[in-house]
PDB file of N, CA and C in Angstrom:
ATOM      1  N   MET A   1      53.204 -42.119  51.527  1.00  0.00           N
ATOM      2  CA  MET A   1      54.778 -41.887  51.687  1.00  0.00           C
ATOM      3  C   MET A   1      54.924 -42.259  53.439  1.00  0.00           C
ATOM      4  N   LYS A   2      54.046 -41.032  53.921  1.00  0.00           N
ATOM      5  CA  LYS A   2      54.465 -40.743  55.248  1.00  0.00           C
ATOM      6  C   LYS A   2      54.104 -41.730  56.009  1.00  0.00           C
ATOM      7  N   LYS A   3      52.797 -42.647  55.385  1.00  0.00           N
ATOM      8  CA  LYS A   3      51.906 -43.754  55.890  1.00  0.00           C
ATOM      9  C   LYS A   3      51.909 -45.031  56.465  1.00  0.00           C
ATOM     10  N   ILE A   4      53.022 -45.154  55.271  1.00  0.00           N
ATOM     11  CA  ILE A   4      54.210 -46.150  54.518  1.00  0.00           C
ATOM     12  C   ILE A   4      54.969 -46.246  56.323  1.00  0.00           C
ATOM     13  N   THR A   5      55.678 -44.843  56.475  1.00  0.00           N
ATOM     14  CA  THR A   5      57.109 -44.216  56.819  1.00  0.00           C
ATOM     15  C   THR A   5      56.367 -44.525  59.030  1.00  0.00           C
ATOM     16  N   LEU A   6      55.458 -44.037  58.856  1.00  0.00           N
ATOM     17  CA  LEU A   6      54.680 -44.465  59.857  1.00  0.00           C
ATOM     18  C   LEU A   6      54.195 -45.308  60.313  1.00  0.00           C
ATOM     19  N   SER A   7      53.464 -45.825  59.221  1.00  0.00           N
ATOM     20  CA  SER A   7      53.262 -47.498  59.943  1.00  0.00           C
ATOM     21  C   SER A   7      54.454 -48.689  59.810  1.00  0.00           C
ATOM     22  N   ILE A   8      56.177 -48.348  59.274  1.00  0.00           N
ATOM     23  CA  ILE A   8      56.907 -48.970  59.426  1.00  0.00           C
ATOM     24  C   ILE A   8      57.099 -49.195  60.616  1.00  0.00           C
ATOM     25  N   ALA A   9      57.500 -47.792  61.236  1.00  0.00           N
ATOM     26  CA  ALA A   9      57.883 -47.265  62.585  1.00  0.00           C
ATOM     27  C   ALA A   9      57.033 -47.858  63.860  1.00  0.00           C
ATOM     28  N   LEU A  10      55.646 -48.005  63.955  1.00  0.00           N
ATOM     29  CA  LEU A  10      55.248 -48.652  64.256  1.00  0.00           C
ATOM     30  C   LEU A  10      55.214 -49.890  64.369  1.00  0.00           C
ATOM     31  N   LEU A  11      55.259 -50.359  64.016  1.00  0.00           N
ATOM     32  CA  LEU A  11      55.587 -52.240  63.445  1.00  0.00           C
ATOM     33  C   LEU A  11      56.960 -52.286  64.620  1.00  0.00           C
ATOM     34  N   ILE A  12      58.039 -51.773  64.310  1.00  0.00           N
ATOM     35  CA  ILE A  12      58.666 -51.218  65.348  1.00  0.00           C
ATOM     36  C   ILE A  12      59.107 -51.197  66.199  1.00  0.00           C
ATOM     37  N   LEU A  13      58.574 -50.266  66.679  1.00  0.00           N
ATOM     38  CA  LEU A  13      58.103 -50.078  67.461  1.00  0.00           C
ATOM     39  C   LEU A  13      57.177 -50.573  68.783  1.00  0.00           C
ATOM     40  N   SER A  14      56.168 -51.504  68.299  1.00  0.00           N
ATOM     41  CA  SER A  14      55.151 -52.790  68.861  1.00  0.00           C
ATOM     42  C   SER A  14      56.043 -54.011  69.254  1.00  0.00           C
ATOM     43  N   THR A  15      57.060 -54.074  67.707  1.00  0.00           N
ATOM     44  CA  THR A  15      57.903 -55.687  67.800  1.00  0.00           C
ATOM     45  C   THR A  15      59.077 -55.324  69.348  1.00  0.00           C
ATOM     46  N   VAL A  16      59.723 -53.764  69.577  1.00  0.00           N
ATOM     47  CA  VAL A  16      60.527 -53.954  70.611  1.00  0.00           C
ATOM     48  C   VAL A  16      60.169 -53.533  71.521  1.00  0.00           C
ATOM     49  N   SER A  17      58.691 -53.411  72.240  1.00  0.00           N
ATOM     50  CA  SER A  17      58.849 -53.912  73.227  1.00  0.00           C
ATOM     51  C   SER A  17      57.654 -54.835  73.713  1.00  0.00           C
ATOM     52  N   ALA A  18      58.186 -56.317  72.260  1.00  0.00           N
ATOM     53  CA  ALA A  18      57.497 -57.041  72.852  1.00  0.00           C
ATOM     54  C   ALA A  18      58.708 -57.982  73.403  1.00  0.00           C
ATOM     55  N   PHE A  19      60.273 -57.689  72.317  1.00  0.00           N
ATOM     56  CA  PHE A  19      60.849 -58.035  72.996  1.00  0.00           C
ATOM     57  C   PHE A  19      61.306 -58.186  74.814  1.00  0.00           C
ATOM     58  N   ALA A  20      61.071 -56.544  74.879  1.00  0.00           N
ATOM     59  CA  ALA A  20      61.626 -56.736  75.920  1.00  0.00           C
ATOM     60  C   ALA A  20      61.100 -56.709  77.215  1.00  0.00           C
ATOM     61  N   GLN A  21      60.437 -57.467  77.152  1.00  0.00           N
ATOM     62  CA  GLN A  21      59.654 -58.744  78.434  1.00  0.00           C
ATOM     63  C   GLN A  21      60.686 -59.631  79.108  1.00  0.00           C
ATOM     64  N   ASP A  22      60.728 -59.390  80.689  1.00  0.00           N
ATOM     65  CA  ASP A  22      61.711 -58.939  81.198  1.00  0.00           C
ATOM     66  C   ASP A  22      61.403 -60.697  82.070  1.00  0.00           C
ATOM     67  N   ASP A  23      59.521 -61.546  82.287  1.00  0.00           N
ATOM     68  CA  ASP A  23      59.521 -62.475  82.816  1.00  0.00           C
ATOM     69  C   ASP A  23      59.164 -63.623  81.720  1.00  0.00           C
ATOM     70  N   VAL A  24      61.160 -64.001  81.595  1.00  0.00           N
ATOM     71  CA  VAL A  24      60.603 -65.803  80.949  1.00  0.00           C
ATOM     72  C   VAL A  24      61.017 -66.691  81.829  1.00  0.00           C
ATOM     73  N   ASP A  25      59.264 -67.671  81.666  1.00  0.00           N
ATOM     74  CA  ASP A  25      59.095 -68.552  82.426  1.00  0.00           C
ATOM     75  C   ASP A  25      59.739 -69.744  82.705  1.00  0.00           C
ATOM     76  N   MET A  26      60.249 -69.666  81.430  1.00  0.00           N
ATOM     77  CA  MET A  26      61.060 -71.148  80.963  1.00  0.00           C
ATOM     78  C   MET A  26      61.875 -71.266  81.349  1.00  0.00           C
ATOM     79  N   ALA A  27      62.813 -70.517  81.453  1.00  0.00           N
ATOM     80  CA  ALA A  27      64.440 -69.921  82.067  1.00  0.00           C
ATOM     81  C   ALA A  27      64.746 -69.350  83.192  1.00  0.00           C
ATOM     82  N   THR A  28      63.130 -68.799  84.009  1.00  0.00           N
ATOM     83  CA  THR A  28      63.202 -68.639  85.840  1.00  0.00           C
ATOM     84  C   THR A  28      63.154 -70.624  85.629  1.00  0.00           C
ATOM     85  N   GLY A  29      62.574 -71.265  85.265  1.00  0.00           N
ATOM     86  CA  GLY A  29      62.054 -72.183  85.671  1.00  0.00           C
ATOM     87  C   GLY A  29      63.303 -73.312  85.971  1.00  0.00           C
ATOM     88  N   LEU A  30      64.473 -73.433  84.648  1.00  0.00           N
ATOM     89  CA  LEU A  30      65.299 -74.052  84.551  1.00  0.00           C
ATOM     90  C   LEU A  30      66.666 -73.772  84.918  1.00  0.00           C
ATOM     91  N   ARG A  31      66.807 -72.725  85.899  1.00  0.00           N
ATOM     92  CA  ARG A  31      67.899 -71.837  86.303  1.00  0.00           C
ATOM     93  C   ARG A  31      67.347 -72.523  87.973  1.00  0.00           C
ATOM     94  N   SER A  32      66.146 -72.260  88.101  1.00  0.00           N
ATOM     95  CA  SER A  32      65.782 -72.840  89.595  1.00  0.00           C
ATOM     96  C   SER A  32      65.859 -73.949  89.885  1.00  0.00           C
ATOM     97  N   GLU A  33      65.917 -74.989  88.649  1.00  0.00           N
ATOM     98  CA  GLU A  33      65.776 -76.337  89.276  1.00  0.00           C
ATOM     99  C   GLU A  33      66.740 -76.897  88.889  1.00  0.00           C
ATOM    100  N   GLY A  34      68.180 -76.439  88.111  1.00  0.00           N
ATOM    101  CA  GLY A  34      69.142 -76.508  87.799  1.00  0.00           C
ATOM    102  C   GLY A  34      69.888 -76.874  86.432  1.00  0.00           C
ATOM    103  N   LYS A  35      68.455 -76.541  86.060  1.00  0.00           N
ATOM    104  CA  LYS A  35      68.641 -77.844  84.781  1.00  0.00           C
ATOM    105  C   LYS A  35      69.501 -76.667  83.909  1.00  0.00           C
ATOM    106  N   ILE A  36      69.558 -76.178  83.664  1.00  0.00           N
ATOM    107  CA  ILE A  36      69.735 -75.014  83.140  1.00  0.00           C
ATOM    108  C   ILE A  36      71.838 -75.134  82.506  1.00  0.00           C
ATOM    109  N   TYR A  37      72.352 -75.882  83.684  1.00  0.00           N
ATOM    110  CA  TYR A  37      73.671 -76.669  83.317  1.00  0.00           C
ATOM    111  C   TYR A  37      73.375 -77.498  82.112  1.00  0.00           C
ATOM    112  N   VAL A  38      72.255 -78.232  82.219  1.00  0.00           N
ATOM    113  CA  VAL A  38      72.392 -79.064  81.838  1.00  0.00           C
ATOM    114  C   VAL A  38      72.424 -79.306  79.821  1.00  0.00           C
ATOM    115  N   VAL A  39      71.441 -77.301  80.078  1.00  0.00           N
ATOM    116  CA  VAL A  39      71.157 -76.951  78.819  1.00  0.00           C
ATOM    117  C   VAL A  39      72.014 -77.036  78.341  1.00  0.00           C
ATOM    118  N   VAL A  40      73.022 -75.863  78.782  1.00  0.00           N
ATOM    119  CA  VAL A  40      74.292 -74.934  78.421  1.00  0.00           C
ATOM    120  C   VAL A  40      75.650 -76.595  78.407  1.00  0.00           C
ATOM    121  N   LEU A  41      75.526 -77.433  78.200  1.00  0.00           N
ATOM    122  CA  LEU A  41      76.393 -79.249  78.634  1.00  0.00           C
ATOM    123  C   LEU A  41      75.821 -79.554  77.579  1.00  0.00           C
ATOM    124  N   VAL A  42      74.938 -79.980  77.228  1.00  0.00           N
ATOM    125  CA  VAL A  42      74.310 -80.601  75.796  1.00  0.00           C
ATOM    126  C   VAL A  42      74.479 -79.270  74.480  1.00  0.00           C
ATOM    127  N   MET A  43      74.182 -77.961  74.426  1.00  0.00           N
ATOM    128  CA  MET A  43      74.893 -76.881  73.365  1.00  0.00           C
ATOM    129  C   MET A  43      76.424 -77.057  73.400  1.00  0.00           C
ATOM    130  N   LEU A  44      76.765 -77.630  74.217  1.00  0.00           N
ATOM    131  CA  LEU A  44      78.505 -77.525  74.206  1.00  0.00           C
ATOM    132  C   LEU A  44      78.557 -78.350  73.516  1.00  0.00           C
ATOM    133  N   VAL A  45      78.814 -80.040  73.898  1.00  0.00           N
ATOM    134  CA  VAL A  45      78.056 -81.086  73.341  1.00  0.00           C
ATOM    135  C   VAL A  45      78.535 -81.007  71.450  1.00  0.00           C
ATOM    136  N   ILE A  46      77.183 -80.242  71.872  1.00  0.00           N
ATOM    137  CA  ILE A  46      77.412 -80.491  69.772  1.00  0.00           C
ATOM    138  C   ILE A  46      78.498 -79.401  69.043  1.00  0.00           C
ATOM    139  N   PHE A  47      77.983 -78.302  70.395  1.00  0.00           N
ATOM    140  CA  PHE A  47      78.906 -76.915  69.802  1.00  0.00           C
ATOM    141  C   PHE A  47      79.862 -78.155  68.973  1.00  0.00           C
ATOM    142  N   LEU A  48      80.243 -78.389  69.394  1.00  0.00           N
ATOM    143  CA  LEU A  48      82.191 -78.818  69.887  1.00  0.00           C
ATOM    144  C   LEU A  48      81.644 -79.921  69.051  1.00  0.00           C
ATOM    145  N   GLY A  49      81.135 -81.122  68.662  1.00  0.00           N
ATOM    146  CA  GLY A  49      80.914 -81.967  68.387  1.00  0.00           C
ATOM    147  C   GLY A  49      81.014 -81.767  66.336  1.00  0.00           C
ATOM    148  N   LEU A  50      80.006 -80.820  66.308  1.00  0.00           N
ATOM    149  CA  LEU A  50      80.206 -79.740  64.613  1.00  0.00           C
ATOM    150  C   LEU A  50      81.396 -79.124  65.295  1.00  0.00           C
ATOM    151  N   ALA A  51      82.114 -78.616  65.771  1.00  0.00           N
ATOM    152  CA  ALA A  51      83.916 -78.005  65.177  1.00  0.00           C
ATOM    153  C   ALA A  51      84.736 -79.521  65.288  1.00  0.00           C
ATOM    154  N   PHE A  52      84.636 -80.431  65.474  1.00  0.00           N
ATOM    155  CA  PHE A  52      85.352 -81.393  65.421  1.00  0.00           C
ATOM    156  C   PHE A  52      85.081 -82.310  64.384  1.00  0.00           C
ATOM    157  N   PHE A  53      83.911 -82.559  63.615  1.00  0.00           N
ATOM    158  CA  PHE A  53      83.273 -81.770  62.289  1.00  0.00           C
ATOM    159  C   PHE A  53      83.949 -82.382  60.540  1.00  0.00           C
ATOM    160  N   LEU A  54      84.245 -80.639  61.360  1.00  0.00           N
ATOM    161  CA  LEU A  54      84.502 -79.516  59.934  1.00  0.00           C
ATOM    162  C   LEU A  54      85.698 -79.587  60.176  1.00  0.00           C
ATOM    163  N   PHE A  55      86.166 -79.704  61.296  1.00  0.00           N
ATOM    164  CA  PHE A  55      88.320 -80.296  60.725  1.00  0.00           C
ATOM    165  C   PHE A  55      87.745 -81.072  60.228  1.00  0.00           C
ATOM    166  N   LEU A  56      87.420 -82.325  60.444  1.00  0.00           N
ATOM    167  CA  LEU A  56      87.977 -83.249  59.586  1.00  0.00           C
ATOM    168  C   LEU A  56      87.749 -83.782  58.702  1.00  0.00           C
ATOM    169  N   LEU A  57      86.501 -82.583  58.003  1.00  0.00           N
ATOM    170  CA  LEU A  57      85.848 -82.035  56.711  1.00  0.00           C
ATOM    171  C   LEU A  57      86.570 -81.429  56.324  1.00  0.00           C
ATOM    172  N   ASP A  58      87.708 -80.594  56.771  1.00  0.00           N
ATOM    173  CA  ASP A  58      88.599 -79.986  56.429  1.00  0.00           C
ATOM    174  C   ASP A  58      90.105 -80.598  55.283  1.00  0.00           C
ATOM    175  N   ARG A  59      90.612 -81.325  56.588  1.00  0.00           N
ATOM    176  CA  ARG A  59      91.849 -81.892  56.285  1.00  0.00           C
ATOM    177  C   ARG A  59      91.518 -83.289  54.883  1.00  0.00           C
ATOM    178  N   ARG A  60      90.111 -83.821  55.319  1.00  0.00           N
ATOM    179  CA  ARG A  60      89.298 -84.622  53.862  1.00  0.00           C
ATOM    180  C   ARG A  60      90.154 -83.746  52.730  1.00  0.00           C
ATOM    181  N   ILE A  61      89.271 -82.539  52.431  1.00  0.00           N
ATOM    182  CA  ILE A  61      89.113 -81.449  51.211  1.00  0.00           C
ATOM    183  C   ILE A  61      90.488 -81.196  51.010  1.00  0.00           C
ATOM    184  N   THR A  62      91.434 -81.127  51.433  1.00  0.00           N
ATOM    185  CA  THR A  62      92.694 -80.875  51.384  1.00  0.00           C
ATOM    186  C   THR A  62      93.619 -81.728  50.900  1.00  0.00           C
ATOM    187  N   LYS A  63      93.261 -83.343  51.753  1.00  0.00           N
ATOM    188  CA  LYS A  63      94.549 -84.215  51.395  1.00  0.00           C
ATOM    189  C   LYS A  63      93.187 -84.363  49.750  1.00  0.00           C
ATOM    190  N   LEU A  64      92.524 -84.298  49.513  1.00  0.00           N
ATOM    191  CA  LEU A  64      91.934 -84.310  47.943  1.00  0.00           C
ATOM    192  C   LEU A  64      92.302 -83.824  46.670  1.00  0.00           C
ATOM    193  N   GLU A  65      92.814 -82.192  47.599  1.00  0.00           N
ATOM    194  CA  GLU A  65      93.296 -81.413  46.704  1.00  0.00           C
ATOM    195  C   GLU A  65      94.577 -81.095  46.005  1.00  0.00           C
ATOM    196  N   LYS A  66      95.305 -81.915  47.139  1.00  0.00           N
ATOM    197  CA  LYS A  66      97.001 -82.557  46.856  1.00  0.00           C
ATOM    198  C   LYS A  66      96.755 -83.307  45.790  1.00  0.00           C
ATOM    199  N   LYS A  67      95.784 -83.833  46.393  1.00  0.00           N
ATOM    200  CA  LYS A  67      96.161 -86.079  45.443  1.00  0.00           C
ATOM    201  C   LYS A  67      95.906 -84.916  44.306  1.00  0.00           C
ATOM    202  N   ASN A  68      94.987 -84.713  43.794  1.00  0.00           N
ATOM    203  CA  ASN A  68      94.678 -83.523  42.193  1.00  0.00           C
ATOM    204  C   ASN A  68      95.344 -83.104  41.517  1.00  0.00           C
ATOM    205  N   LYS A  69      96.307 -81.628  42.051  1.00  0.00           N
ATOM    206  CA  LYS A  69      97.585 -81.131  42.269  1.00  0.00           C
ATOM    207  C   LYS A  69      98.461 -81.975  41.347  1.00  0.00           C
TER     208      LYS A  69
END
């Protein structure tokens, strides 16, 4: 049991150190070229599109529920 616990602890510690790396080349490159704003804008448009679609879908479902009652 101790071996399993120790193995899990070492696995968790090794993954934490892997995620703690500072240098992300893609983000640095996008930020330095000013393209990070394009990425943020595209993500915002996708999010707003999904939110609008869900809003319309909710209205349609509400109309169908009222019609069935």
